[in-house]
Amino acid sequence: MKRVIRKGTFETNSSAVHSLVISPDGLEPSNLPMDADGYITINFGNFGEYDEGITTFDQEMKLRYIATECFYLNNWDTYIEDFYPWKCVCDAVCKYSGAKGIRLGSAIEPELNHQVQPEYGELKFCSYYDEDSVINFIFNKYIGIKMSHD
């Protein structure tokens, strides 16, 4: 099977392969809340019940979503600071934003609707081991999350 690389996306001539290409044209500067010491401070999110649905392109909400996913991937443990996927996300966000680190508050109990909880050690919307994927997901104004359930 022939493999062609176009703008960083692998494509094949198979009709069973689909690709999602995200343009970096929508990247915006960070507007994440940063304290005087240079740390981004966020809480986990409560994304459990959205009867009417919500769509967000907000950088903080997208980072809170990833933190909440990491809570579930870390066996429902709120201490994710040393959890490898979260450390990768933090490294990418700090590199892009210029922050020294990310501090997690505990004002909100982490919650995701049971139908969207991450499985198999992977985040739903970006690959934690791919810095560009994390940066695009959080800082690209054209990438949002639509949350609703039946």
C-alpha atoms as a PDB file:
ATOM      1  CA  MET A   1       0.000   0.000   0.000  1.00  0.00           C
ATOM      2  CA  LYS A   2       1.369   3.398  -0.985  1.00  0.00           C
ATOM      3  CA  ARG A   3       1.885   5.918   1.822  1.00  0.00           C
ATOM      4  CA  VAL A   4       1.954   9.644   1.121  1.00  0.00           C
ATOM      5  CA  ILE A   5       2.653  12.366   3.674  1.00  0.00           C
ATOM      6  CA  ARG A   6       0.842  15.643   3.063  1.00  0.00           C
ATOM      7  CA  LYS A   7       1.285  18.504   5.511  1.00  0.00           C
ATOM      8  CA  GLY A   8       2.138  16.108   8.338  1.00  0.00           C
ATOM      9  CA  THR A   9      -0.896  13.859   7.795  1.00  0.00           C
ATOM     10  CA  PHE A  10      -0.509  10.240   6.750  1.00  0.00           C
ATOM     11  CA  GLU A  11      -2.905   9.198   4.000  1.00  0.00           C
ATOM     12  CA  THR A  12      -3.371   5.983   2.077  1.00  0.00           C
ATOM     13  CA  ASN A  13      -5.320   5.032  -1.009  1.00  0.00           C
ATOM     14  CA  SER A  14      -7.603   2.832   1.119  1.00  0.00           C
ATOM     15  CA  SER A  15     -11.234   3.921   1.253  1.00  0.00           C
ATOM     16  CA  ALA A  16     -11.384   2.719   4.868  1.00  0.00           C
ATOM     17  CA  VAL A  17      -8.981   5.349   6.195  1.00  0.00           C
ATOM     18  CA  HIS A  18     -10.138   8.765   7.324  1.00  0.00           C
ATOM     19  CA  SER A  19      -7.942  11.610   8.465  1.00  0.00           C
ATOM     20  CA  LEU A  20      -8.615  14.665  10.537  1.00  0.00           C
ATOM     21  CA  VAL A  21      -6.342  17.566   9.672  1.00  0.00           C
ATOM     22  CA  ILE A  22      -6.247  20.533  12.046  1.00  0.00           C
ATOM     23  CA  SER A  23      -4.789  23.784  10.826  1.00  0.00           C
ATOM     24  CA  PRO A  24      -2.491  25.609  13.238  1.00  0.00           C
ATOM     25  CA  ASP A  25      -3.855  28.887  11.781  1.00  0.00           C
ATOM     26  CA  GLY A  26      -6.206  29.184  14.752  1.00  0.00           C
ATOM     27  CA  LEU A  27      -3.511  29.161  17.439  1.00  0.00           C
ATOM     28  CA  GLU A  28      -3.964  32.025  19.878  1.00  0.00           C
ATOM     29  CA  PRO A  29      -1.770  33.273  22.728  1.00  0.00           C
ATOM     30  CA  SER A  30      -2.491  31.723  26.098  1.00  0.00           C
ATOM     31  CA  ASN A  31      -5.168  33.381  28.201  1.00  0.00           C
ATOM     32  CA  LEU A  32      -5.010  30.772  30.958  1.00  0.00           C
ATOM     33  CA  PRO A  33      -5.198  32.220  34.487  1.00  0.00           C
ATOM     34  CA  MET A  34      -1.652  32.708  35.763  1.00  0.00           C
ATOM     35  CA  ASP A  35      -0.740  33.857  39.270  1.00  0.00           C
ATOM     36  CA  ALA A  36       1.989  36.336  40.222  1.00  0.00           C
ATOM     37  CA  ASP A  37       4.476  33.470  40.625  1.00  0.00           C
ATOM     38  CA  GLY A  38       3.980  32.398  36.998  1.00  0.00           C
ATOM     39  CA  TYR A  39       1.838  29.320  37.659  1.00  0.00           C
ATOM     40  CA  ILE A  40      -1.399  28.488  35.893  1.00  0.00           C
ATOM     41  CA  THR A  41      -4.061  27.673  38.453  1.00  0.00           C
ATOM     42  CA  ILE A  42      -7.122  25.642  37.474  1.00  0.00           C
ATOM     43  CA  ASN A  43      -9.647  23.302  39.050  1.00  0.00           C
ATOM     44  CA  PHE A  44     -10.847  19.977  37.783  1.00  0.00           C
ATOM     45  CA  GLY A  45     -14.094  20.175  35.836  1.00  0.00           C
ATOM     46  CA  ASN A  46     -17.564  18.865  36.446  1.00  0.00           C
ATOM     47  CA  PHE A  47     -18.615  17.619  33.034  1.00  0.00           C
ATOM     48  CA  GLY A  48     -21.125  15.062  34.259  1.00  0.00           C
ATOM     49  CA  GLU A  49     -24.545  16.442  33.397  1.00  0.00           C
ATOM     50  CA  TYR A  50     -25.267  18.540  30.333  1.00  0.00           C
ATOM     51  CA  ASP A  51     -28.946  18.039  29.563  1.00  0.00           C
ATOM     52  CA  GLU A  52     -29.079  20.905  27.086  1.00  0.00           C
ATOM     53  CA  GLY A  53     -25.536  20.554  25.841  1.00  0.00           C
ATOM     54  CA  ILE A  54     -22.658  22.977  25.936  1.00  0.00           C
ATOM     55  CA  THR A  55     -20.055  23.908  23.361  1.00  0.00           C
ATOM     56  CA  THR A  56     -16.886  25.607  24.500  1.00  0.00           C
ATOM     57  CA  PHE A  57     -13.777  26.895  22.802  1.00  0.00           C
ATOM     58  CA  ASP A  58     -12.434  28.312  26.101  1.00  0.00           C
ATOM     59  CA  GLN A  59      -8.793  27.446  26.806  1.00  0.00           C
ATOM     60  CA  GLU A  60      -9.305  27.007  30.537  1.00  0.00           C
ATOM     61  CA  MET A  61     -12.309  24.714  30.059  1.00  0.00           C
ATOM     62  CA  LYS A  62     -10.377  22.551  27.600  1.00  0.00           C
ATOM     63  CA  LEU A  63      -7.442  22.259  30.038  1.00  0.00           C
ATOM     64  CA  ARG A  64      -9.859  21.459  32.881  1.00  0.00           C
ATOM     65  CA  TYR A  65     -11.376  18.745  30.674  1.00  0.00           C
ATOM     66  CA  ILE A  66      -7.958  17.156  30.130  1.00  0.00           C
ATOM     67  CA  ALA A  67      -7.190  17.356  33.872  1.00  0.00           C
ATOM     68  CA  THR A  68     -10.498  15.637  34.599  1.00  0.00           C
ATOM     69  CA  GLU A  69      -9.724  12.924  32.045  1.00  0.00           C
ATOM     70  CA  CYS A  70      -6.360  12.374  33.740  1.00  0.00           C
ATOM     71  CA  PHE A  71      -8.192  11.952  37.065  1.00  0.00           C
ATOM     72  CA  TYR A  72     -10.085   9.006  35.526  1.00  0.00           C
ATOM     73  CA  LEU A  73      -7.030   7.597  33.790  1.00  0.00           C
ATOM     74  CA  ASN A  74      -5.205   7.781  37.134  1.00  0.00           C
ATOM     75  CA  ASN A  75      -7.740   5.388  38.704  1.00  0.00           C
ATOM     76  CA  TRP A  76      -9.986   8.121  40.108  1.00  0.00           C
ATOM     77  CA  ASP A  77      -7.143   9.667  42.110  1.00  0.00           C
ATOM     78  CA  THR A  78      -7.008  13.481  42.273  1.00  0.00           C
ATOM     79  CA  TYR A  79      -3.251  13.423  42.789  1.00  0.00           C
ATOM     80  CA  ILE A  80      -2.223  13.553  39.136  1.00  0.00           C
ATOM     81  CA  GLU A  81       0.882  15.755  39.432  1.00  0.00           C
ATOM     82  CA  ASP A  82       3.221  12.774  38.943  1.00  0.00           C
ATOM     83  CA  PHE A  83       0.943  10.981  36.467  1.00  0.00           C
ATOM     84  CA  TYR A  84       2.827  10.707  33.158  1.00  0.00           C
ATOM     85  CA  PRO A  85       0.008  11.828  30.815  1.00  0.00           C
ATOM     86  CA  TRP A  86      -0.660  14.914  32.972  1.00  0.00           C
ATOM     87  CA  LYS A  87       3.057  15.736  33.153  1.00  0.00           C
ATOM     88  CA  CYS A  88       3.212  15.627  29.341  1.00  0.00           C
ATOM     89  CA  VAL A  89       0.192  17.942  29.081  1.00  0.00           C
ATOM     90  CA  CYS A  90       1.729  20.320  31.630  1.00  0.00           C
ATOM     91  CA  ASP A  91       5.052  20.387  29.787  1.00  0.00           C
ATOM     92  CA  ALA A  92       3.351  21.280  26.497  1.00  0.00           C
ATOM     93  CA  VAL A  93       1.100  23.937  28.048  1.00  0.00           C
ATOM     94  CA  CYS A  94       3.951  25.509  30.017  1.00  0.00           C
ATOM     95  CA  LYS A  95       6.238  25.560  27.003  1.00  0.00           C
ATOM     96  CA  TYR A  96       3.568  27.298  24.916  1.00  0.00           C
ATOM     97  CA  SER A  97       2.316  29.709  27.585  1.00  0.00           C
ATOM     98  CA  GLY A  98       5.589  30.479  29.343  1.00  0.00           C
ATOM     99  CA  ALA A  99       4.170  29.327  32.695  1.00  0.00           C
ATOM    100  CA  LYS A 100       6.370  27.708  35.347  1.00  0.00           C
ATOM    101  CA  GLY A 101       3.816  24.991  36.041  1.00  0.00           C
ATOM    102  CA  ILE A 102       0.158  24.153  36.576  1.00  0.00           C
ATOM    103  CA  ARG A 103      -1.438  24.071  40.003  1.00  0.00           C
ATOM    104  CA  LEU A 104      -4.648  22.128  40.498  1.00  0.00           C
ATOM    105  CA  GLY A 105      -7.217  23.358  42.985  1.00  0.00           C
ATOM    106  CA  SER A 106      -9.811  21.123  44.540  1.00  0.00           C
ATOM    107  CA  ALA A 107     -12.821  23.449  44.479  1.00  0.00           C
ATOM    108  CA  ILE A 108     -14.692  21.149  42.096  1.00  0.00           C
ATOM    109  CA  GLU A 109     -15.124  17.395  42.360  1.00  0.00           C
ATOM    110  CA  PRO A 110     -13.883  15.935  39.038  1.00  0.00           C
ATOM    111  CA  GLU A 111     -16.673  14.402  37.007  1.00  0.00           C
ATOM    112  CA  LEU A 112     -17.219  13.201  33.444  1.00  0.00           C
ATOM    113  CA  ASN A 113     -20.392  11.645  32.156  1.00  0.00           C
ATOM    114  CA  HIS A 114     -19.953   7.868  32.307  1.00  0.00           C
ATOM    115  CA  GLN A 115     -20.358   7.617  28.531  1.00  0.00           C
ATOM    116  CA  VAL A 116     -17.294   9.749  27.792  1.00  0.00           C
ATOM    117  CA  GLN A 117     -14.827   8.624  30.444  1.00  0.00           C
ATOM    118  CA  PRO A 118     -11.464   7.851  28.826  1.00  0.00           C
ATOM    119  CA  GLU A 119     -10.474   4.260  28.219  1.00  0.00           C
ATOM    120  CA  TYR A 120      -7.334   2.359  27.343  1.00  0.00           C
ATOM    121  CA  GLY A 121      -4.975   4.975  28.801  1.00  0.00           C
ATOM    122  CA  GLU A 122      -5.750   7.605  26.161  1.00  0.00           C
ATOM    123  CA  LEU A 123      -7.244  11.080  26.277  1.00  0.00           C
ATOM    124  CA  LYS A 124     -10.282  11.607  24.039  1.00  0.00           C
ATOM    125  CA  PHE A 125      -9.349  14.806  22.206  1.00  0.00           C
ATOM    126  CA  CYS A 126      -5.566  14.918  22.032  1.00  0.00           C
ATOM    127  CA  SER A 127      -2.537  12.693  22.403  1.00  0.00           C
ATOM    128  CA  TYR A 128      -0.615  13.553  25.547  1.00  0.00           C
ATOM    129  CA  TYR A 129       2.612  12.210  24.045  1.00  0.00           C
ATOM    130  CA  ASP A 130       2.248  14.596  21.067  1.00  0.00           C
ATOM    131  CA  GLU A 131       3.031  18.150  22.187  1.00  0.00           C
ATOM    132  CA  ASP A 132       1.512  19.722  19.052  1.00  0.00           C
ATOM    133  CA  SER A 133      -1.732  17.812  19.620  1.00  0.00           C
ATOM    134  CA  VAL A 134      -2.046  19.173  23.157  1.00  0.00           C
ATOM    135  CA  ILE A 135      -1.177  22.724  22.095  1.00  0.00           C
ATOM    136  CA  ASN A 136      -3.626  22.630  19.186  1.00  0.00           C
ATOM    137  CA  PHE A 137      -6.430  21.259  21.328  1.00  0.00           C
ATOM    138  CA  ILE A 138      -6.092  23.872  24.053  1.00  0.00           C
ATOM    139  CA  PHE A 139      -4.943  26.979  22.174  1.00  0.00           C
ATOM    140  CA  ASN A 140      -6.579  26.627  18.752  1.00  0.00           C
ATOM    141  CA  LYS A 141      -9.661  28.859  18.632  1.00  0.00           C
ATOM    142  CA  TYR A 142     -11.257  26.611  16.025  1.00  0.00           C
ATOM    143  CA  ILE A 143     -11.188  23.507  18.267  1.00  0.00           C
ATOM    144  CA  GLY A 144     -13.971  23.151  20.798  1.00  0.00           C
ATOM    145  CA  ILE A 145     -15.767  20.565  22.845  1.00  0.00           C
ATOM    146  CA  LYS A 146     -19.481  19.911  22.430  1.00  0.00           C
ATOM    147  CA  MET A 147     -20.905  18.096  25.432  1.00  0.00           C
ATOM    148  CA  SER A 148     -24.384  16.669  25.703  1.00  0.00           C
ATOM    149  CA  HIS A 149     -26.026  13.369  26.492  1.00  0.00           C
ATOM    150  CA  ASP A 150     -29.400  11.686  26.152  1.00  0.00           C
END
